């Protein structure tokens, strides 16, 4: 079985949709355009989901820079909604 390193897997996701689950109550879905060795990520065409007591709030963003320290889970091709 071939061993795949984490940064290699993320590199294969560049140009693709990715679901990012952050620490706290935020999730983002967008196109990964770049990242660094600290997994700081640049994404485009992003939908941000924030969980609030009133329910899920949705916000659209053209581009975002995420701090890798706040990322919990990356799901290539995933989405928190069934579109």
PDB file of N, CA and C in Angstrom:
ATOM      1  N   UNK A   1       0.832  -1.178   0.000  1.00  0.00           N
ATOM      2  CA  UNK A   1       0.000   0.000   0.000  1.00  0.00           C
ATOM      3  C   UNK A   1       0.881   1.248   0.000  1.00  0.00           C
ATOM      4  N   UNK A   2       0.521   2.220  -0.830  1.00  0.00           N
ATOM      5  CA  UNK A   2       1.300   3.441  -0.956  1.00  0.00           C
ATOM      6  C   UNK A   2       1.027   4.370   0.225  1.00  0.00           C
ATOM      7  N   UNK A   3       2.091   4.927   0.774  1.00  0.00           N
ATOM      8  CA  UNK A   3       1.952   5.871   1.880  1.00  0.00           C
ATOM      9  C   UNK A   3       1.786   7.278   1.312  1.00  0.00           C
ATOM     10  N   UNK A   4       0.774   7.993   1.793  1.00  0.00           N
ATOM     11  CA  UNK A   4       0.521   9.365   1.371  1.00  0.00           C
ATOM     12  C   UNK A   4       0.673  10.267   2.586  1.00  0.00           C
ATOM     13  N   UNK A   5       1.542  11.256   2.470  1.00  0.00           N
ATOM     14  CA  UNK A   5       1.743  12.201   3.561  1.00  0.00           C
ATOM     15  C   UNK A   5       0.634  13.252   3.568  1.00  0.00           C
ATOM     16  N   UNK A   6       0.307  13.806   4.737  1.00  0.00           N
ATOM     17  CA  UNK A   6      -0.797  14.768   4.815  1.00  0.00           C
ATOM     18  C   UNK A   6      -0.671  15.942   3.845  1.00  0.00           C
ATOM     19  N   UNK A   7       0.504  16.564   3.757  1.00  0.00           N
ATOM     20  CA  UNK A   7       0.653  17.713   2.862  1.00  0.00           C
ATOM     21  C   UNK A   7       0.521  17.309   1.398  1.00  0.00           C
ATOM     22  N   UNK A   8       0.895  16.076   1.063  1.00  0.00           N
ATOM     23  CA  UNK A   8       0.712  15.588  -0.309  1.00  0.00           C
ATOM     24  C   UNK A   8      -0.768  15.460  -0.635  1.00  0.00           C
ATOM     25  N   UNK A   9      -1.550  14.982   0.306  1.00  0.00           N
ATOM     26  CA  UNK A   9      -2.984  14.841   0.096  1.00  0.00           C
ATOM     27  C   UNK A   9      -3.635  16.208  -0.094  1.00  0.00           C
ATOM     28  N   UNK A  10      -3.258  17.186   0.744  1.00  0.00           N
ATOM     29  CA  UNK A  10      -3.800  18.539   0.603  1.00  0.00           C
ATOM     30  C   UNK A  10      -3.396  19.125  -0.746  1.00  0.00           C
ATOM     31  N   UNK A  11      -2.153  18.882  -1.171  1.00  0.00           N
ATOM     32  CA  UNK A  11      -1.675  19.388  -2.462  1.00  0.00           C
ATOM     33  C   UNK A  11      -2.517  18.849  -3.618  1.00  0.00           C
ATOM     34  N   UNK A  12      -2.953  17.609  -3.513  1.00  0.00           N
ATOM     35  CA  UNK A  12      -3.798  17.014  -4.560  1.00  0.00           C
ATOM     36  C   UNK A  12      -5.175  17.674  -4.624  1.00  0.00           C
ATOM     37  N   UNK A  13      -5.561  18.376  -3.559  1.00  0.00           N
ATOM     38  CA  UNK A  13      -6.874  19.031  -3.492  1.00  0.00           C
ATOM     39  C   UNK A  13      -6.877  20.447  -4.072  1.00  0.00           C
ATOM     40  N   UNK A  14      -5.719  20.984  -4.430  1.00  0.00           N
ATOM     41  CA  UNK A  14      -5.677  22.340  -4.988  1.00  0.00           C
ATOM     42  C   UNK A  14      -6.507  22.380  -6.262  1.00  0.00           C
ATOM     43  N   UNK A  15      -7.365  23.380  -6.358  1.00  0.00           N
ATOM     44  CA  UNK A  15      -8.270  23.524  -7.495  1.00  0.00           C
ATOM     45  C   UNK A  15      -9.588  22.794  -7.325  1.00  0.00           C
ATOM     46  N   UNK A  16      -9.737  22.068  -6.221  1.00  0.00           N
ATOM     47  CA  UNK A  16     -10.957  21.298  -5.958  1.00  0.00           C
ATOM     48  C   UNK A  16     -11.709  21.882  -4.772  1.00  0.00           C
ATOM     49  N   UNK A  17     -12.981  21.480  -4.656  1.00  0.00           N
ATOM     50  CA  UNK A  17     -13.804  21.890  -3.519  1.00  0.00           C
ATOM     51  C   UNK A  17     -13.356  21.100  -2.294  1.00  0.00           C
ATOM     52  N   UNK A  18     -13.369  21.798  -1.155  1.00  0.00           N
ATOM     53  CA  UNK A  18     -12.961  21.162   0.092  1.00  0.00           C
ATOM     54  C   UNK A  18     -13.834  21.718   1.220  1.00  0.00           C
ATOM     55  N   UNK A  19     -14.168  20.863   2.156  1.00  0.00           N
ATOM     56  CA  UNK A  19     -14.965  21.227   3.335  1.00  0.00           C
ATOM     57  C   UNK A  19     -14.000  21.315   4.509  1.00  0.00           C
ATOM     58  N   UNK A  20     -13.964  22.463   5.174  1.00  0.00           N
ATOM     59  CA  UNK A  20     -13.057  22.693   6.287  1.00  0.00           C
ATOM     60  C   UNK A  20     -13.889  22.892   7.555  1.00  0.00           C
ATOM     61  N   UNK A  21     -13.633  22.065   8.552  1.00  0.00           N
ATOM     62  CA  UNK A  21     -14.298  22.198   9.842  1.00  0.00           C
ATOM     63  C   UNK A  21     -13.292  22.842  10.794  1.00  0.00           C
ATOM     64  N   UNK A  22     -13.684  23.997  11.320  1.00  0.00           N
ATOM     65  CA  UNK A  22     -12.801  24.795  12.163  1.00  0.00           C
ATOM     66  C   UNK A  22     -13.063  24.512  13.642  1.00  0.00           C
ATOM     67  N   UNK A  23     -12.129  24.935  14.495  1.00  0.00           N
ATOM     68  CA  UNK A  23     -12.384  24.934  15.941  1.00  0.00           C
ATOM     69  C   UNK A  23     -13.543  25.890  16.181  1.00  0.00           C
ATOM     70  N   UNK A  24     -14.367  25.605  17.145  1.00  0.00           N
ATOM     71  CA  UNK A  24     -15.499  26.479  17.426  1.00  0.00           C
ATOM     72  C   UNK A  24     -16.702  26.078  16.592  1.00  0.00           C
ATOM     73  N   UNK A  25     -17.435  27.061  16.111  1.00  0.00           N
ATOM     74  CA  UNK A  25     -18.717  26.796  15.468  1.00  0.00           C
ATOM     75  C   UNK A  25     -18.749  27.166  13.989  1.00  0.00           C
ATOM     76  N   UNK A  26     -17.619  27.072  13.290  1.00  0.00           N
ATOM     77  CA  UNK A  26     -17.599  27.448  11.872  1.00  0.00           C
ATOM     78  C   UNK A  26     -17.148  26.297  10.992  1.00  0.00           C
ATOM     79  N   UNK A  27     -17.769  26.241   9.811  1.00  0.00           N
ATOM     80  CA  UNK A  27     -17.381  25.312   8.760  1.00  0.00           C
ATOM     81  C   UNK A  27     -17.352  26.107   7.466  1.00  0.00           C
ATOM     82  N   UNK A  28     -16.444  25.743   6.563  1.00  0.00           N
ATOM     83  CA  UNK A  28     -16.337  26.446   5.292  1.00  0.00           C
ATOM     84  C   UNK A  28     -16.253  25.443   4.159  1.00  0.00           C
ATOM     85  N   UNK A  29     -16.858  25.793   3.036  1.00  0.00           N
ATOM     86  CA  UNK A  29     -16.753  24.989   1.822  1.00  0.00           C
ATOM     87  C   UNK A  29     -16.320  25.932   0.718  1.00  0.00           C
ATOM     88  N   UNK A  30     -15.253  25.577   0.007  1.00  0.00           N
ATOM     89  CA  UNK A  30     -14.780  26.425  -1.079  1.00  0.00           C
ATOM     90  C   UNK A  30     -13.727  25.710  -1.901  1.00  0.00           C
ATOM     91  N   UNK A  31     -13.183  26.435  -2.863  1.00  0.00           N
ATOM     92  CA  UNK A  31     -12.140  25.898  -3.732  1.00  0.00           C
ATOM     93  C   UNK A  31     -10.783  26.241  -3.136  1.00  0.00           C
ATOM     94  N   UNK A  32      -9.979  25.228  -2.880  1.00  0.00           N
ATOM     95  CA  UNK A  32      -8.641  25.421  -2.326  1.00  0.00           C
ATOM     96  C   UNK A  32      -7.725  25.952  -3.418  1.00  0.00           C
ATOM     97  N   UNK A  33      -7.100  27.115  -3.182  1.00  0.00           N
ATOM     98  CA  UNK A  33      -6.193  27.683  -4.186  1.00  0.00           C
ATOM     99  C   UNK A  33      -4.739  27.625  -3.744  1.00  0.00           C
ATOM    100  N   UNK A  34      -4.486  27.431  -2.444  1.00  0.00           N
ATOM    101  CA  UNK A  34      -3.106  27.316  -1.984  1.00  0.00           C
ATOM    102  C   UNK A  34      -3.039  27.078  -0.489  1.00  0.00           C
ATOM    103  N   UNK A  35      -1.844  26.641  -0.045  1.00  0.00           N
ATOM    104  CA  UNK A  35      -1.598  26.399   1.379  1.00  0.00           C
ATOM    105  C   UNK A  35      -0.088  26.403   1.602  1.00  0.00           C
ATOM    106  N   UNK A  36       0.319  26.476   2.875  1.00  0.00           N
ATOM    107  CA  UNK A  36       1.741  26.425   3.201  1.00  0.00           C
ATOM    108  C   UNK A  36       2.021  25.260   4.154  1.00  0.00           C
ATOM    109  N   UNK A  37       3.254  25.179   4.639  1.00  0.00           N
ATOM    110  CA  UNK A  37       3.649  24.075   5.516  1.00  0.00           C
ATOM    111  C   UNK A  37       2.920  24.080   6.853  1.00  0.00           C
ATOM    112  N   UNK A  38       2.328  25.209   7.228  1.00  0.00           N
ATOM    113  CA  UNK A  38       1.574  25.302   8.478  1.00  0.00           C
ATOM    114  C   UNK A  38       0.084  25.065   8.244  1.00  0.00           C
ATOM    115  N   UNK A  39      -0.287  24.689   7.034  1.00  0.00           N
ATOM    116  CA  UNK A  39      -1.658  24.439   6.602  1.00  0.00           C
ATOM    117  C   UNK A  39      -2.522  25.703   6.700  1.00  0.00           C
ATOM    118  N   UNK A  40      -1.884  26.883   6.629  1.00  0.00           N
ATOM    119  CA  UNK A  40      -2.639  28.107   6.382  1.00  0.00           C
ATOM    120  C   UNK A  40      -3.161  27.950   4.961  1.00  0.00           C
ATOM    121  N   UNK A  41      -4.433  28.245   4.740  1.00  0.00           N
ATOM    122  CA  UNK A  41      -5.054  27.947   3.449  1.00  0.00           C
ATOM    123  C   UNK A  41      -5.694  29.179   2.828  1.00  0.00           C
ATOM    124  N   UNK A  42      -5.595  29.277   1.503  1.00  0.00           N
ATOM    125  CA  UNK A  42      -6.313  30.290   0.736  1.00  0.00           C
ATOM    126  C   UNK A  42      -7.398  29.559  -0.042  1.00  0.00           C
ATOM    127  N   UNK A  43      -8.629  30.075   0.080  1.00  0.00           N
ATOM    128  CA  UNK A  43      -9.770  29.465  -0.604  1.00  0.00           C
ATOM    129  C   UNK A  43     -10.559  30.543  -1.331  1.00  0.00           C
ATOM    130  N   UNK A  44     -11.209  30.151  -2.420  1.00  0.00           N
ATOM    131  CA  UNK A  44     -12.057  31.056  -3.193  1.00  0.00           C
ATOM    132  C   UNK A  44     -13.465  30.481  -3.291  1.00  0.00           C
ATOM    133  N   UNK A  45     -14.431  31.358  -3.633  1.00  0.00           N
ATOM    134  CA  UNK A  45     -15.844  30.960  -3.769  1.00  0.00           C
ATOM    135  C   UNK A  45     -16.288  30.176  -2.537  1.00  0.00           C
ATOM    136  N   UNK A  46     -16.170  30.811  -1.401  1.00  0.00           N
ATOM    137  CA  UNK A  46     -16.365  30.158  -0.104  1.00  0.00           C
ATOM    138  C   UNK A  46     -17.777  30.414   0.440  1.00  0.00           C
ATOM    139  N   UNK A  47     -18.349  29.376   1.026  1.00  0.00           N
ATOM    140  CA  UNK A  47     -19.570  29.518   1.815  1.00  0.00           C
ATOM    141  C   UNK A  47     -19.182  29.180   3.247  1.00  0.00           C
ATOM    142  N   UNK A  48     -19.408  30.137   4.148  1.00  0.00           N
ATOM    143  CA  UNK A  48     -19.095  29.965   5.557  1.00  0.00           C
ATOM    144  C   UNK A  48     -20.390  29.626   6.302  1.00  0.00           C
ATOM    145  N   UNK A  49     -20.345  28.572   7.097  1.00  0.00           N
ATOM    146  CA  UNK A  49     -21.489  28.167   7.907  1.00  0.00           C
ATOM    147  C   UNK A  49     -21.117  28.396   9.364  1.00  0.00           C
ATOM    148  N   UNK A  50     -21.965  29.141  10.062  1.00  0.00           N
ATOM    149  CA  UNK A  50     -21.735  29.378  11.488  1.00  0.00           C
ATOM    150  C   UNK A  50     -22.925  28.837  12.259  1.00  0.00           C
ATOM    151  N   UNK A  51     -22.650  27.996  13.250  1.00  0.00           N
ATOM    152  CA  UNK A  51     -23.705  27.423  14.065  1.00  0.00           C
ATOM    153  C   UNK A  51     -24.025  28.406  15.195  1.00  0.00           C
ATOM    154  N   UNK A  52     -25.270  28.832  15.270  1.00  0.00           N
ATOM    155  CA  UNK A  52     -25.711  29.762  16.305  1.00  0.00           C
ATOM    156  C   UNK A  52     -26.886  29.128  17.048  1.00  0.00           C
ATOM    157  N   UNK A  53     -27.266  29.671  18.195  1.00  0.00           N
ATOM    158  CA  UNK A  53     -28.443  29.134  18.904  1.00  0.00           C
ATOM    159  C   UNK A  53     -29.718  29.193  18.057  1.00  0.00           C
ATOM    160  N   UNK A  54     -29.759  30.132  17.112  1.00  0.00           N
ATOM    161  CA  UNK A  54     -30.936  30.267  16.246  1.00  0.00           C
ATOM    162  C   UNK A  54     -30.897  29.303  15.058  1.00  0.00           C
ATOM    163  N   UNK A  55     -29.774  28.651  14.838  1.00  0.00           N
ATOM    164  CA  UNK A  55     -29.633  27.737  13.707  1.00  0.00           C
ATOM    165  C   UNK A  55     -28.361  28.017  12.930  1.00  0.00           C
ATOM    166  N   UNK A  56     -28.280  27.461  11.732  1.00  0.00           N
ATOM    167  CA  UNK A  56     -27.091  27.590  10.898  1.00  0.00           C
ATOM    168  C   UNK A  56     -27.174  28.876  10.072  1.00  0.00           C
ATOM    169  N   UNK A  57     -26.163  29.738  10.198  1.00  0.00           N
ATOM    170  CA  UNK A  57     -26.098  30.978   9.425  1.00  0.00           C
ATOM    171  C   UNK A  57     -25.101  30.796   8.288  1.00  0.00           C
ATOM    172  N   UNK A  58     -25.478  31.266   7.094  1.00  0.00           N
ATOM    173  CA  UNK A  58     -24.692  31.066   5.879  1.00  0.00           C
ATOM    174  C   UNK A  58     -24.195  32.418   5.370  1.00  0.00           C
ATOM    175  N   UNK A  59     -22.900  32.481   4.998  1.00  0.00           N
ATOM    176  CA  UNK A  59     -22.294  33.711   4.507  1.00  0.00           C
ATOM    177  C   UNK A  59     -21.402  33.379   3.318  1.00  0.00           C
ATOM    178  N   UNK A  60     -21.544  34.107   2.207  1.00  0.00           N
ATOM    179  CA  UNK A  60     -20.730  33.849   1.020  1.00  0.00           C
ATOM    180  C   UNK A  60     -19.566  34.828   0.961  1.00  0.00           C
ATOM    181  N   UNK A  61     -18.387  34.311   0.645  1.00  0.00           N
ATOM    182  CA  UNK A  61     -17.165  35.099   0.571  1.00  0.00           C
ATOM    183  C   UNK A  61     -16.442  34.804  -0.740  1.00  0.00           C
ATOM    184  N   UNK A  62     -15.842  35.837  -1.353  1.00  0.00           N
ATOM    185  CA  UNK A  62     -15.092  35.630  -2.592  1.00  0.00           C
ATOM    186  C   UNK A  62     -13.777  34.897  -2.337  1.00  0.00           C
ATOM    187  N   UNK A  63     -13.077  35.310  -1.277  1.00  0.00           N
ATOM    188  CA  UNK A  63     -11.770  34.717  -0.974  1.00  0.00           C
ATOM    189  C   UNK A  63     -11.516  34.809   0.521  1.00  0.00           C
ATOM    190  N   UNK A  64     -10.768  33.846   1.054  1.00  0.00           N
ATOM    191  CA  UNK A  64     -10.486  33.840   2.492  1.00  0.00           C
ATOM    192  C   UNK A  64      -9.116  33.205   2.731  1.00  0.00           C
ATOM    193  N   UNK A  65      -8.444  33.689   3.777  1.00  0.00           N
ATOM    194  CA  UNK A  65      -7.187  33.111   4.253  1.00  0.00           C
ATOM    195  C   UNK A  65      -7.469  32.515   5.624  1.00  0.00           C
ATOM    196  N   UNK A  66      -7.270  31.212   5.773  1.00  0.00           N
ATOM    197  CA  UNK A  66      -7.530  30.520   7.039  1.00  0.00           C
ATOM    198  C   UNK A  66      -6.219  30.253   7.765  1.00  0.00           C
ATOM    199  N   UNK A  67      -6.220  30.477   9.067  1.00  0.00           N
ATOM    200  CA  UNK A  67      -5.073  30.145   9.898  1.00  0.00           C
ATOM    201  C   UNK A  67      -5.101  28.647  10.182  1.00  0.00           C
ATOM    202  N   UNK A  68      -4.040  27.953   9.846  1.00  0.00           N
ATOM    203  CA  UNK A  68      -3.980  26.507  10.023  1.00  0.00           C
ATOM    204  C   UNK A  68      -4.155  26.041  11.450  1.00  0.00           C
ATOM    205  N   UNK A  69      -3.831  26.899  12.441  1.00  0.00           N
ATOM    206  CA  UNK A  69      -3.989  26.517  13.848  1.00  0.00           C
ATOM    207  C   UNK A  69      -5.442  26.304  14.231  1.00  0.00           C
ATOM    208  N   UNK A  70      -6.370  26.864  13.460  1.00  0.00           N
ATOM    209  CA  UNK A  70      -7.789  26.774  13.804  1.00  0.00           C
ATOM    210  C   UNK A  70      -8.540  25.709  13.010  1.00  0.00           C
ATOM    211  N   UNK A  71      -7.837  24.966  12.168  1.00  0.00           N
ATOM    212  CA  UNK A  71      -8.470  23.937  11.349  1.00  0.00           C
ATOM    213  C   UNK A  71      -8.463  22.608  12.103  1.00  0.00           C
ATOM    214  N   UNK A  72      -9.636  21.965  12.160  1.00  0.00           N
ATOM    215  CA  UNK A  72      -9.744  20.651  12.816  1.00  0.00           C
ATOM    216  C   UNK A  72      -9.763  19.514  11.807  1.00  0.00           C
ATOM    217  N   UNK A  73     -10.626  19.632  10.776  1.00  0.00           N
ATOM    218  CA  UNK A  73     -10.824  18.535   9.823  1.00  0.00           C
ATOM    219  C   UNK A  73     -10.913  19.102   8.409  1.00  0.00           C
ATOM    220  N   UNK A  74     -10.302  18.418   7.459  1.00  0.00           N
ATOM    221  CA  UNK A  74     -10.430  18.731   6.035  1.00  0.00           C
ATOM    222  C   UNK A  74     -11.118  17.564   5.344  1.00  0.00           C
ATOM    223  N   UNK A  75     -12.145  17.857   4.572  1.00  0.00           N
ATOM    224  CA  UNK A  75     -12.886  16.811   3.859  1.00  0.00           C
ATOM    225  C   UNK A  75     -12.866  17.153   2.372  1.00  0.00           C
ATOM    226  N   UNK A  76     -11.971  16.521   1.599  1.00  0.00           N
ATOM    227  CA  UNK A  76     -11.924  16.795   0.163  1.00  0.00           C
ATOM    228  C   UNK A  76     -13.265  16.433  -0.502  1.00  0.00           C
ATOM    229  N   UNK A  77     -13.817  17.380  -1.251  1.00  0.00           N
ATOM    230  CA  UNK A  77     -15.059  17.139  -1.978  1.00  0.00           C
ATOM    231  C   UNK A  77     -16.293  17.097  -1.115  1.00  0.00           C
ATOM    232  N   UNK A  78     -16.154  17.324   0.182  1.00  0.00           N
ATOM    233  CA  UNK A  78     -17.287  17.219   1.087  1.00  0.00           C
ATOM    234  C   UNK A  78     -18.067  18.489   1.199  1.00  0.00           C
ATOM    235  N   UNK A  79     -19.204  18.398   1.870  1.00  0.00           N
ATOM    236  CA  UNK A  79     -20.061  19.538   2.104  1.00  0.00           C
ATOM    237  C   UNK A  79     -20.967  19.246   3.299  1.00  0.00           C
ATOM    238  N   UNK A  80     -21.232  20.264   4.136  1.00  0.00           N
ATOM    239  CA  UNK A  80     -22.121  20.029   5.280  1.00  0.00           C
ATOM    240  C   UNK A  80     -23.585  19.911   4.890  1.00  0.00           C
ATOM    241  N   UNK A  81     -23.908  20.192   3.635  1.00  0.00           N
ATOM    242  CA  UNK A  81     -25.290  20.108   3.158  1.00  0.00           C
ATOM    243  C   UNK A  81     -25.375  19.117   2.015  1.00  0.00           C
ATOM    244  N   UNK A  82     -26.530  18.526   1.843  1.00  0.00           N
ATOM    245  CA  UNK A  82     -26.778  17.663   0.689  1.00  0.00           C
ATOM    246  C   UNK A  82     -27.314  18.533  -0.415  1.00  0.00           C
ATOM    247  N   UNK A  83     -26.417  18.962  -1.329  1.00  0.00           N
ATOM    248  CA  UNK A  83     -26.862  19.857  -2.436  1.00  0.00           C
ATOM    249  C   UNK A  83     -27.371  19.061  -3.592  1.00  0.00           C
TER     250      UNK A  83
END
